[in-house]
């Protein structure tokens, strides 16, 4: 499994050159981010985290297929915890872009468990689904049917574009199997979890969606690199001297920088450095200019640089 650093900041010299599409990523880094579980019946979430479980399962299956370079899941979890971006129904593309930059991912996979619940019942107890997990020990036989629906989005962290949306929908019958204790060491790969109704649903979803994700040619959808000057500012809005003719699109996220000039005392040479300021989102586009809003960082100063 490969680990990736922060993308190199574009040199100021890029502003002097014609705008061209950058070569497609040779080996784009992909991270499975937040899988919100706001569509899950609370009976599943009391002692069990279906969103995290599916995120771990999906990452493992993508790694095993081997077509995508996956960012270490433990590293992603640590970043999420630090930023306090837990599983939330309000997790949007902007968060995915920022967190993608933090973990060094070119693409983020985010989404939600839209629905996980019992849809028909034959009077079985909860223990038939969660028996032995979180102190629930009843394991009576059940013929209940459970429904799972998951929606995923693949987001290009350089632009904020949603390049692919996937959905999974499945209903299965439980036969009294348990979820097992995923804290015992075997975790979501244990045979006990895999044989449970929740394990069957989440693993089947992971199999289906990992194959579809692995089939996406991410090197073909990589957006061109763009770089321009911030020529005016009005409150939280800013004007960029690049537009649709240069590859700018509505919804694109760009990083902003200001330049610092200093003389190297050892050589006498004048050095120019681009210092990161924050991030803007393009809200409207003309042929040769565009308007953006500041979404993070310092207020924009005219004369600064914006690039992805």
Foldseek 3Di string as FASTA:
>chain_A
DDAAAFDDDDDPVVAVDAFDFDAFDPAFEEEEAWAAEPQEDVLCVPQHDLRVLLRVLLQVVLVVVPLHHYQDNVLRVVLCVVVVVHRDPPDALVNVLVSCSVRVGQKYKYWYWNHKDWDDFPPDDPCLQAAPEPPHNDQDFTFIKIKTKIKMFIAGSQFSDGPDIDMDIDMDTFTRQHLHYLPPPCHLVDPSNCNGPSNVVSNVVSVVVSVVVSPDPSSVPDAGKDKFFFADDDVQKTKTQAFVLSRDDAFTKWWKWAWDWDADVVPRDIDIDTHTFAMWGWHAGDHGMTMIGGDDGDRDDGGIMIID
